[in-house]
N, C-alpha and C. Protein backbone atom coordinates (compact mmCIF):
# COMPACT_ATOMS: atom_id res chain seq x y z
N UNK A 1 46.01 9.53 120.28
CA UNK A 1 46.18 10.52 121.34
C UNK A 1 44.96 10.42 122.25
N UNK A 2 45.18 10.27 123.56
CA UNK A 2 44.10 10.16 124.52
C UNK A 2 43.42 11.49 124.76
N UNK A 3 42.22 11.43 125.33
CA UNK A 3 41.44 12.65 125.57
C UNK A 3 42.17 13.61 126.50
N UNK A 4 42.91 13.10 127.47
CA UNK A 4 43.69 13.95 128.38
C UNK A 4 44.73 14.76 127.63
N UNK A 5 45.41 14.10 126.69
CA UNK A 5 46.43 14.81 125.90
C UNK A 5 45.79 15.83 124.96
N UNK A 6 44.61 15.51 124.42
CA UNK A 6 43.91 16.45 123.54
C UNK A 6 43.53 17.70 124.34
N UNK A 7 42.99 17.51 125.54
CA UNK A 7 42.61 18.64 126.38
C UNK A 7 43.83 19.48 126.73
N UNK A 8 44.92 18.82 127.09
CA UNK A 8 46.16 19.54 127.42
C UNK A 8 46.64 20.34 126.22
N UNK A 9 46.57 19.74 125.01
CA UNK A 9 46.99 20.42 123.79
C UNK A 9 46.11 21.64 123.53
N UNK A 10 44.79 21.47 123.69
CA UNK A 10 43.87 22.58 123.46
C UNK A 10 44.11 23.72 124.45
N UNK A 11 44.42 23.38 125.68
CA UNK A 11 44.70 24.41 126.68
C UNK A 11 45.95 25.20 126.31
N UNK A 12 46.93 24.53 125.70
CA UNK A 12 48.14 25.22 125.26
C UNK A 12 47.82 26.22 124.15
N UNK A 13 46.80 25.90 123.36
CA UNK A 13 46.42 26.78 122.25
C UNK A 13 45.63 27.99 122.75
N UNK A 14 45.15 27.92 123.98
CA UNK A 14 44.33 29.00 124.53
C UNK A 14 45.19 29.90 125.41
N UNK A 15 44.82 31.16 125.46
CA UNK A 15 45.59 32.14 126.21
C UNK A 15 44.78 32.70 127.37
N UNK A 16 45.48 32.98 128.46
CA UNK A 16 44.86 33.71 129.56
C UNK A 16 44.86 35.18 129.17
N UNK A 17 44.10 35.96 129.92
CA UNK A 17 43.90 37.36 129.56
C UNK A 17 45.21 38.16 129.52
N UNK A 18 46.14 37.89 130.44
CA UNK A 18 47.41 38.60 130.45
C UNK A 18 48.22 38.33 129.20
N UNK A 19 48.25 37.06 128.80
CA UNK A 19 48.99 36.69 127.59
C UNK A 19 48.35 37.31 126.35
N UNK A 20 47.02 37.26 126.31
CA UNK A 20 46.29 37.83 125.18
C UNK A 20 46.51 39.34 125.09
N UNK A 21 46.42 40.02 126.21
CA UNK A 21 46.58 41.48 126.19
C UNK A 21 47.99 41.87 125.76
N UNK A 22 48.99 41.10 126.18
CA UNK A 22 50.37 41.39 125.75
C UNK A 22 50.53 41.16 124.25
N UNK A 23 49.97 40.07 123.75
CA UNK A 23 50.09 39.77 122.31
C UNK A 23 49.44 40.85 121.45
N UNK A 24 48.30 41.36 121.90
CA UNK A 24 47.56 42.33 121.10
C UNK A 24 47.89 43.77 121.46
N UNK A 25 48.59 43.99 122.56
CA UNK A 25 48.89 45.35 122.99
C UNK A 25 47.65 46.07 123.49
N UNK A 26 46.76 45.32 124.13
CA UNK A 26 45.50 45.86 124.64
C UNK A 26 45.48 45.67 126.16
N UNK A 27 45.02 46.67 126.87
CA UNK A 27 44.91 46.59 128.32
C UNK A 27 43.91 45.51 128.70
N UNK A 28 44.22 44.67 129.70
CA UNK A 28 43.27 43.64 130.13
C UNK A 28 41.90 44.22 130.50
N UNK A 29 41.89 45.41 131.11
CA UNK A 29 40.62 46.04 131.47
C UNK A 29 39.76 46.32 130.24
N UNK A 30 40.40 46.61 129.12
CA UNK A 30 39.68 46.83 127.87
C UNK A 30 38.99 45.54 127.43
N UNK A 31 39.69 44.42 127.58
CA UNK A 31 39.11 43.13 127.21
C UNK A 31 37.93 42.80 128.11
N UNK A 32 38.07 43.05 129.42
CA UNK A 32 36.95 42.84 130.35
C UNK A 32 35.75 43.70 129.92
N UNK A 33 36.03 44.95 129.57
CA UNK A 33 34.98 45.87 129.15
C UNK A 33 34.27 45.35 127.90
N UNK A 34 35.05 44.92 126.91
CA UNK A 34 34.46 44.38 125.68
C UNK A 34 33.57 43.18 125.98
N UNK A 35 33.98 42.37 126.94
CA UNK A 35 33.18 41.22 127.34
C UNK A 35 31.87 41.69 127.98
N UNK A 36 31.96 42.68 128.87
CA UNK A 36 30.76 43.19 129.58
C UNK A 36 29.73 43.78 128.62
N UNK A 37 30.20 44.48 127.58
CA UNK A 37 29.25 45.12 126.66
C UNK A 37 28.86 44.22 125.49
N UNK A 38 29.39 43.01 125.47
CA UNK A 38 28.99 42.05 124.45
C UNK A 38 29.73 42.13 123.13
N UNK A 39 30.86 42.84 123.09
CA UNK A 39 31.64 42.88 121.85
C UNK A 39 32.35 41.57 121.60
N UNK A 40 32.72 40.91 122.68
CA UNK A 40 33.32 39.57 122.55
C UNK A 40 32.48 38.61 123.39
N UNK A 41 32.39 37.37 122.96
CA UNK A 41 31.61 36.40 123.74
C UNK A 41 32.32 36.08 125.06
N UNK A 42 31.55 35.57 126.00
CA UNK A 42 32.14 35.16 127.28
C UNK A 42 33.15 34.05 126.98
N UNK A 43 34.37 34.20 127.45
CA UNK A 43 35.38 33.17 127.17
C UNK A 43 35.18 31.93 128.04
N UNK A 44 35.79 30.87 127.58
CA UNK A 44 35.81 29.65 128.38
C UNK A 44 36.63 29.94 129.64
N UNK A 45 36.44 29.12 130.67
CA UNK A 45 37.18 29.33 131.92
C UNK A 45 37.80 28.02 132.38
N UNK A 46 38.90 28.17 133.09
CA UNK A 46 39.53 27.01 133.71
C UNK A 46 38.72 26.65 134.95
N UNK A 47 39.02 25.51 135.55
CA UNK A 47 38.34 25.12 136.78
C UNK A 47 38.54 26.16 137.89
N UNK A 48 39.68 26.82 137.86
CA UNK A 48 39.96 27.83 138.89
C UNK A 48 39.43 29.21 138.50
N UNK A 49 38.73 29.32 137.37
CA UNK A 49 38.05 30.56 137.02
C UNK A 49 38.80 31.49 136.06
N UNK A 50 40.00 31.12 135.64
CA UNK A 50 40.74 31.97 134.71
C UNK A 50 40.06 31.95 133.34
N UNK A 51 39.98 33.10 132.72
CA UNK A 51 39.44 33.18 131.37
C UNK A 51 40.45 32.59 130.39
N UNK A 52 39.94 31.85 129.41
CA UNK A 52 40.79 31.29 128.36
C UNK A 52 40.26 31.75 127.01
N UNK A 53 41.14 32.31 126.21
CA UNK A 53 40.77 32.83 124.90
C UNK A 53 41.42 32.00 123.81
N UNK A 54 40.64 31.70 122.77
CA UNK A 54 41.18 30.92 121.67
C UNK A 54 41.53 31.84 120.50
N UNK A 55 41.96 31.23 119.41
CA UNK A 55 42.40 32.00 118.25
C UNK A 55 41.27 32.86 117.68
N UNK A 56 40.05 32.34 117.70
CA UNK A 56 38.90 33.10 117.20
C UNK A 56 38.68 34.37 118.04
N UNK A 57 38.83 34.24 119.36
CA UNK A 57 38.71 35.41 120.24
C UNK A 57 39.79 36.44 119.91
N UNK A 58 41.01 35.93 119.68
CA UNK A 58 42.12 36.82 119.36
C UNK A 58 41.86 37.55 118.04
N UNK A 59 41.35 36.85 117.04
CA UNK A 59 41.04 37.47 115.75
C UNK A 59 39.95 38.53 115.90
N UNK A 60 38.97 38.24 116.73
CA UNK A 60 37.87 39.20 116.95
C UNK A 60 38.41 40.46 117.64
N UNK A 61 39.25 40.28 118.65
CA UNK A 61 39.83 41.43 119.35
C UNK A 61 40.73 42.23 118.42
N UNK A 62 41.46 41.55 117.56
CA UNK A 62 42.30 42.24 116.59
C UNK A 62 41.43 43.06 115.63
N UNK A 63 40.32 42.47 115.18
CA UNK A 63 39.39 43.20 114.30
C UNK A 63 38.87 44.45 115.00
N UNK A 64 38.47 44.31 116.26
CA UNK A 64 37.95 45.45 117.03
C UNK A 64 39.00 46.55 117.10
N UNK A 65 40.23 46.15 117.41
CA UNK A 65 41.33 47.12 117.51
C UNK A 65 41.54 47.83 116.17
N UNK A 66 41.56 47.07 115.08
CA UNK A 66 41.75 47.65 113.75
C UNK A 66 40.61 48.60 113.40
N UNK A 67 39.39 48.20 113.69
CA UNK A 67 38.23 49.02 113.37
C UNK A 67 38.26 50.33 114.16
N UNK A 68 38.71 50.25 115.42
CA UNK A 68 38.81 51.47 116.23
C UNK A 68 39.86 52.41 115.65
N UNK A 69 40.98 51.87 115.17
CA UNK A 69 42.02 52.73 114.59
C UNK A 69 41.53 53.37 113.29
N UNK A 70 40.54 52.76 112.65
CA UNK A 70 39.96 53.34 111.43
C UNK A 70 38.88 54.37 111.75
N UNK A 71 38.61 54.57 113.04
CA UNK A 71 37.66 55.61 113.44
C UNK A 71 36.26 55.12 113.73
N UNK A 72 36.03 53.82 113.67
CA UNK A 72 34.70 53.31 113.98
C UNK A 72 34.51 53.32 115.50
N UNK A 73 33.30 53.65 115.95
CA UNK A 73 33.05 53.61 117.39
C UNK A 73 32.57 52.21 117.77
N UNK A 74 32.47 51.96 119.07
CA UNK A 74 32.14 50.61 119.54
C UNK A 74 30.75 50.15 119.09
N UNK A 75 29.79 51.07 119.00
CA UNK A 75 28.46 50.69 118.52
C UNK A 75 28.52 50.26 117.05
N UNK A 76 29.29 50.98 116.25
CA UNK A 76 29.42 50.62 114.84
C UNK A 76 30.12 49.27 114.70
N UNK A 77 31.14 49.06 115.51
CA UNK A 77 31.87 47.78 115.48
C UNK A 77 30.96 46.64 115.89
N UNK A 78 30.17 46.87 116.95
CA UNK A 78 29.25 45.83 117.43
C UNK A 78 28.24 45.47 116.35
N UNK A 79 27.74 46.47 115.64
CA UNK A 79 26.77 46.23 114.58
C UNK A 79 27.40 45.43 113.43
N UNK A 80 28.61 45.78 113.06
CA UNK A 80 29.31 45.05 111.99
C UNK A 80 29.54 43.60 112.41
N UNK A 81 29.99 43.41 113.65
CA UNK A 81 30.23 42.04 114.13
C UNK A 81 28.93 41.23 114.15
N UNK A 82 27.85 41.87 114.54
CA UNK A 82 26.56 41.20 114.57
C UNK A 82 26.13 40.79 113.17
N UNK A 83 26.28 41.69 112.20
CA UNK A 83 25.94 41.37 110.82
C UNK A 83 26.85 40.27 110.27
N UNK A 84 28.12 40.33 110.68
CA UNK A 84 29.09 39.33 110.22
C UNK A 84 28.70 37.94 110.74
N UNK A 85 28.29 37.89 112.01
CA UNK A 85 27.90 36.61 112.60
C UNK A 85 26.65 36.03 111.95
N UNK A 86 25.73 36.89 111.56
CA UNK A 86 24.49 36.41 110.95
C UNK A 86 24.64 36.19 109.44
N UNK A 87 25.85 36.36 108.95
CA UNK A 87 26.16 36.14 107.53
C UNK A 87 25.39 37.08 106.61
N UNK A 88 24.99 38.26 107.09
CA UNK A 88 24.25 39.20 106.24
C UNK A 88 25.10 40.40 105.87
N UNK A 89 26.39 40.31 106.09
CA UNK A 89 27.26 41.45 105.81
C UNK A 89 28.00 41.21 104.49
N UNK A 90 27.45 41.77 103.42
CA UNK A 90 28.07 41.65 102.12
C UNK A 90 29.03 42.80 101.88
N UNK A 91 29.77 42.70 100.83
CA UNK A 91 30.76 43.72 100.48
C UNK A 91 30.09 45.08 100.25
N UNK A 92 28.92 45.07 99.63
CA UNK A 92 28.21 46.33 99.38
C UNK A 92 27.85 47.04 100.66
N UNK A 93 27.45 46.28 101.68
CA UNK A 93 27.08 46.88 102.97
C UNK A 93 28.32 47.44 103.67
N UNK A 94 29.43 46.72 103.60
CA UNK A 94 30.67 47.23 104.18
C UNK A 94 31.08 48.51 103.47
N UNK A 95 30.97 48.51 102.14
CA UNK A 95 31.30 49.71 101.35
C UNK A 95 30.45 50.89 101.80
N UNK A 96 29.14 50.67 101.92
CA UNK A 96 28.22 51.74 102.32
C UNK A 96 28.59 52.30 103.69
N UNK A 97 28.86 51.43 104.63
CA UNK A 97 29.19 51.87 105.99
C UNK A 97 30.51 52.64 106.02
N UNK A 98 31.48 52.16 105.28
CA UNK A 98 32.77 52.86 105.24
C UNK A 98 32.63 54.22 104.55
N UNK A 99 31.80 54.29 103.51
CA UNK A 99 31.58 55.57 102.83
C UNK A 99 30.93 56.58 103.78
N UNK A 100 29.98 56.13 104.59
CA UNK A 100 29.35 57.00 105.58
C UNK A 100 30.40 57.48 106.58
N UNK A 101 31.27 56.57 107.00
CA UNK A 101 32.31 56.94 107.97
C UNK A 101 33.27 57.95 107.37
N UNK A 102 33.64 57.77 106.11
CA UNK A 102 34.53 58.72 105.44
C UNK A 102 33.89 60.10 105.40
N UNK A 103 32.59 60.16 105.10
CA UNK A 103 31.87 61.43 105.06
C UNK A 103 31.85 62.09 106.44
N UNK A 104 31.63 61.29 107.48
CA UNK A 104 31.65 61.84 108.85
C UNK A 104 33.02 62.42 109.18
N UNK A 105 34.06 61.71 108.80
CA UNK A 105 35.42 62.18 109.06
C UNK A 105 35.68 63.47 108.28
N UNK A 106 35.20 63.55 107.04
CA UNK A 106 35.38 64.76 106.24
C UNK A 106 34.69 65.95 106.89
N UNK A 107 33.51 65.73 107.45
CA UNK A 107 32.81 66.79 108.16
C UNK A 107 33.59 67.24 109.40
N UNK A 108 34.16 66.28 110.11
CA UNK A 108 34.97 66.62 111.29
C UNK A 108 36.19 67.44 110.88
N UNK A 109 36.82 67.05 109.76
CA UNK A 109 37.98 67.79 109.27
C UNK A 109 37.59 69.22 108.94
N UNK A 110 36.45 69.39 108.28
CA UNK A 110 35.97 70.73 107.93
C UNK A 110 35.72 71.57 109.18
N UNK A 111 35.10 70.97 110.18
CA UNK A 111 34.85 71.67 111.44
C UNK A 111 36.15 72.05 112.13
N UNK A 112 37.11 71.15 112.11
CA UNK A 112 38.40 71.44 112.74
C UNK A 112 39.15 72.54 111.98
N UNK A 113 39.05 72.54 110.65
CA UNK A 113 39.69 73.60 109.86
C UNK A 113 39.07 74.95 110.15
N UNK A 114 37.74 74.99 110.32
CA UNK A 114 37.06 76.24 110.65
C UNK A 114 37.50 76.72 112.04
N UNK A 115 37.60 75.80 112.98
CA UNK A 115 38.07 76.14 114.32
C UNK A 115 39.50 76.67 114.28
N UNK A 116 40.34 76.02 113.50
CA UNK A 116 41.73 76.46 113.35
C UNK A 116 41.78 77.88 112.80
N UNK A 117 40.96 78.17 111.80
CA UNK A 117 40.95 79.51 111.20
C UNK A 117 40.57 80.56 112.24
N UNK A 118 39.59 80.26 113.09
CA UNK A 118 39.19 81.19 114.14
C UNK A 118 40.32 81.39 115.15
N UNK A 119 40.97 80.29 115.51
CA UNK A 119 42.07 80.39 116.48
C UNK A 119 43.25 81.17 115.92
N UNK A 120 43.55 80.97 114.66
CA UNK A 120 44.65 81.72 114.02
C UNK A 120 44.31 83.20 114.00
N UNK A 121 43.06 83.53 113.74
CA UNK A 121 42.61 84.91 113.75
C UNK A 121 42.80 85.52 115.15
N UNK A 122 42.40 84.77 116.17
CA UNK A 122 42.59 85.24 117.55
C UNK A 122 44.08 85.38 117.89
N UNK A 123 44.87 84.47 117.41
CA UNK A 123 46.32 84.51 117.63
C UNK A 123 46.92 85.78 117.04
N UNK A 124 46.50 86.13 115.83
CA UNK A 124 47.00 87.35 115.19
C UNK A 124 46.59 88.60 115.98
N UNK A 125 45.36 88.63 116.47
CA UNK A 125 44.90 89.77 117.30
C UNK A 125 45.75 89.88 118.56
N UNK A 126 45.99 88.75 119.17
CA UNK A 126 46.79 88.72 120.39
C UNK A 126 48.23 89.18 120.10
N UNK A 127 48.76 88.71 119.01
CA UNK A 127 50.12 89.08 118.59
C UNK A 127 50.23 90.59 118.36
N UNK A 128 49.20 91.13 117.69
CA UNK A 128 49.16 92.56 117.43
C UNK A 128 49.10 93.35 118.74
N UNK A 129 48.27 92.89 119.66
CA UNK A 129 48.14 93.54 120.96
C UNK A 129 49.47 93.50 121.72
N UNK A 130 50.13 92.37 121.68
CA UNK A 130 51.42 92.23 122.35
C UNK A 130 52.45 93.19 121.75
N UNK A 131 52.45 93.26 120.43
CA UNK A 131 53.42 94.11 119.73
C UNK A 131 53.23 95.59 120.08
N UNK A 132 51.97 96.03 120.17
CA UNK A 132 51.67 97.44 120.45
C UNK A 132 51.69 97.78 121.93
N UNK A 133 51.27 96.84 122.79
CA UNK A 133 51.07 97.18 124.20
C UNK A 133 51.96 96.41 125.18
N UNK A 134 52.68 95.42 124.73
CA UNK A 134 53.57 94.67 125.62
C UNK A 134 52.89 93.49 126.30
N UNK A 135 53.71 92.70 127.00
CA UNK A 135 53.27 91.45 127.61
C UNK A 135 52.37 91.65 128.83
N UNK A 136 52.47 92.76 129.51
CA UNK A 136 51.73 92.93 130.76
C UNK A 136 50.34 93.51 130.55
N UNK A 137 50.01 93.93 129.35
CA UNK A 137 48.69 94.49 129.08
C UNK A 137 47.62 93.38 129.16
N UNK A 138 46.41 93.71 129.61
CA UNK A 138 45.35 92.70 129.64
C UNK A 138 45.04 92.20 128.22
N UNK A 139 44.73 90.95 128.12
CA UNK A 139 44.45 90.35 126.81
C UNK A 139 43.08 90.81 126.33
N UNK A 140 43.04 91.34 125.14
CA UNK A 140 41.80 91.86 124.57
C UNK A 140 41.04 90.83 123.75
N UNK A 141 41.68 89.73 123.43
CA UNK A 141 41.12 88.78 122.47
C UNK A 141 39.73 88.28 122.87
N UNK A 142 39.56 87.83 124.11
CA UNK A 142 38.28 87.24 124.48
C UNK A 142 37.23 88.28 124.85
N UNK A 143 37.64 89.55 124.95
CA UNK A 143 36.69 90.61 125.23
C UNK A 143 36.16 91.26 123.96
N UNK A 144 36.80 90.97 122.84
CA UNK A 144 36.42 91.59 121.57
C UNK A 144 35.24 90.87 120.93
N UNK A 145 34.45 91.61 120.21
CA UNK A 145 33.38 91.01 119.42
C UNK A 145 33.99 90.47 118.14
N UNK A 146 33.34 89.49 117.52
CA UNK A 146 33.88 88.93 116.27
C UNK A 146 34.12 90.00 115.21
N UNK A 147 33.24 91.03 115.14
CA UNK A 147 33.39 92.10 114.15
C UNK A 147 34.69 92.89 114.39
N UNK A 148 34.94 93.23 115.65
CA UNK A 148 36.14 94.01 115.98
C UNK A 148 37.41 93.19 115.70
N UNK A 149 37.35 91.89 116.02
CA UNK A 149 38.52 91.03 115.79
C UNK A 149 38.81 90.97 114.30
N UNK A 150 37.78 90.83 113.49
CA UNK A 150 37.95 90.73 112.04
C UNK A 150 38.57 92.03 111.50
N UNK A 151 38.04 93.15 111.95
CA UNK A 151 38.57 94.44 111.47
C UNK A 151 39.99 94.68 111.93
N UNK A 152 40.32 94.29 113.16
CA UNK A 152 41.67 94.48 113.68
C UNK A 152 42.67 93.64 112.89
N UNK A 153 42.28 92.41 112.56
CA UNK A 153 43.22 91.53 111.88
C UNK A 153 43.41 91.96 110.43
N UNK A 154 42.45 92.69 109.87
CA UNK A 154 42.58 93.11 108.48
C UNK A 154 43.44 94.37 108.36
N UNK A 155 43.43 95.19 109.42
CA UNK A 155 44.08 96.49 109.33
C UNK A 155 45.49 96.40 109.72
């Protein structure tokens, strides 16, 4: 196989940004952004300037997408990719980082549950006010002190 045919074959294996974004279900602007912030390396380009992505680029973008769905932020993903490239990312380190992320998520869940409890309490006060005074009465919920709201909801 001549060098011209090899180059043509390799180009067939590479994707332009539109093709890549469709395959991965990622907006092309997201891919440009990842390139700008260094999450993905600068892709090869055609003579006319089109970006060309290979299978390794696609795997990296897929990893980024998966990591984001698991709740990792872009800085955390960038750090993991950096450690992965330098071959210093062992299973123990991945375990530690995921355990930290799980703890952060648990804290967020606790905060959201506390917020929900407060909102439910306000909802009950509002419901009580509506029942006693009707729909046209001014809402007392945001004017009440936490102590008054607590006592109203208990009584």
